[in-house]
């Protein structure tokens, strides 16, 4: 059976920072898309307009939640707290 060396602190931090940055970019893109959709939809909403807004809002919420999880994992790591289970 192969034994695995635990990742060193720098490697773990690097992976967490990369995950945080990826989540931040996704969140920013989702937020920008939400605002773009909102600005394109006229005030007299059609069912298509409502659906587009709901889809953009759902992606925005999902991306924000992923960012929060990544930020919490990184913060727990750098502060030495035991990581929380999602």
Protein backbone atom coordinates (compact mmCIF):
# COMPACT_ATOMS: atom_id res chain seq x y z
CA UNK A 1 0.00 0.00 0.00
CA UNK A 2 1.39 3.38 -0.99
CA UNK A 3 1.83 5.97 1.70
CA UNK A 4 0.99 9.58 1.01
CA UNK A 5 2.90 12.50 2.41
CA UNK A 6 0.71 15.23 3.83
CA UNK A 7 0.77 18.40 1.78
CA UNK A 8 3.04 21.04 3.15
CA UNK A 9 1.51 24.26 4.38
CA UNK A 10 2.53 26.30 1.32
CA UNK A 11 0.94 23.80 -1.05
CA UNK A 12 -2.29 23.80 0.91
CA UNK A 13 -2.33 27.59 1.06
CA UNK A 14 -1.62 27.84 -2.67
CA UNK A 15 -4.53 25.51 -3.50
CA UNK A 16 -6.87 27.39 -1.19
CA UNK A 17 -5.86 30.75 -2.69
CA UNK A 18 -6.41 29.38 -6.20
CA UNK A 19 -9.85 28.06 -5.22
CA UNK A 20 -10.69 31.40 -3.61
CA UNK A 21 -9.63 33.32 -6.71
CA UNK A 22 -11.60 31.01 -8.99
CA UNK A 23 -14.70 31.42 -6.82
CA UNK A 24 -14.22 35.20 -6.73
CA UNK A 25 -14.03 35.38 -10.52
CA UNK A 26 -17.11 33.18 -10.90
CA UNK A 27 -18.98 35.36 -8.42
CA UNK A 28 -17.94 38.55 -10.17
CA UNK A 29 -18.98 37.16 -13.55
CA UNK A 30 -22.33 35.99 -12.21
CA UNK A 31 -22.98 39.36 -10.58
CA UNK A 32 -22.06 41.21 -13.76
CA UNK A 33 -24.34 38.94 -15.80
CA UNK A 34 -27.20 39.49 -13.36
CA UNK A 35 -26.89 43.27 -13.66
CA UNK A 36 -26.58 43.01 -17.45
CA UNK A 37 -29.78 40.97 -17.67
CA UNK A 38 -31.60 43.37 -15.34
CA UNK A 39 -30.56 46.37 -17.46
CA UNK A 40 -31.70 44.68 -20.70
CA UNK A 41 -35.17 43.70 -19.50
CA UNK A 42 -37.81 46.41 -19.96
CA UNK A 43 -40.09 47.29 -17.07
CA UNK A 44 -43.03 45.43 -18.66
CA UNK A 45 -41.68 41.95 -18.01
CA UNK A 46 -42.43 39.06 -20.32
CA UNK A 47 -42.29 35.48 -19.12
CA UNK A 48 -38.95 35.15 -20.95
CA UNK A 49 -37.62 38.21 -19.13
CA UNK A 50 -38.72 36.84 -15.77
CA UNK A 51 -37.07 33.50 -16.54
CA UNK A 52 -33.79 35.18 -17.56
CA UNK A 53 -33.75 37.22 -14.35
CA UNK A 54 -34.49 34.14 -12.22
CA UNK A 55 -31.73 32.13 -13.89
CA UNK A 56 -29.20 34.95 -13.53
CA UNK A 57 -30.20 35.46 -9.89
CA UNK A 58 -29.89 31.73 -9.14
CA UNK A 59 -26.39 31.58 -10.64
CA UNK A 60 -25.46 34.72 -8.71
CA UNK A 61 -26.60 33.11 -5.42
CA UNK A 62 -24.82 29.84 -6.21
CA UNK A 63 -21.60 31.66 -7.09
CA UNK A 64 -21.80 33.78 -3.94
CA UNK A 65 -22.27 30.69 -1.78
CA UNK A 66 -19.27 29.00 -3.42
CA UNK A 67 -17.20 32.14 -2.76
CA UNK A 68 -18.28 32.18 0.88
CA UNK A 69 -17.25 28.53 1.30
CA UNK A 70 -13.86 29.14 -0.34
CA UNK A 71 -13.28 32.24 1.80
CA UNK A 72 -14.25 30.39 4.98
CA UNK A 73 -11.92 27.48 4.15
CA UNK A 74 -9.03 29.85 3.47
CA UNK A 75 -9.73 31.90 6.61
CA UNK A 76 -9.94 28.77 8.76
CA UNK A 77 -6.63 27.60 7.34
CA UNK A 78 -4.68 30.83 7.86
CA UNK A 79 -6.10 31.37 11.35
CA UNK A 80 -5.42 27.78 12.40
CA UNK A 81 -9.06 26.95 13.07
CA UNK A 82 -10.28 23.46 12.45
CA UNK A 83 -12.01 23.46 9.06
CA UNK A 84 -15.78 23.26 9.22
CA UNK A 85 -17.63 20.53 7.41
CA UNK A 86 -20.12 21.87 4.87
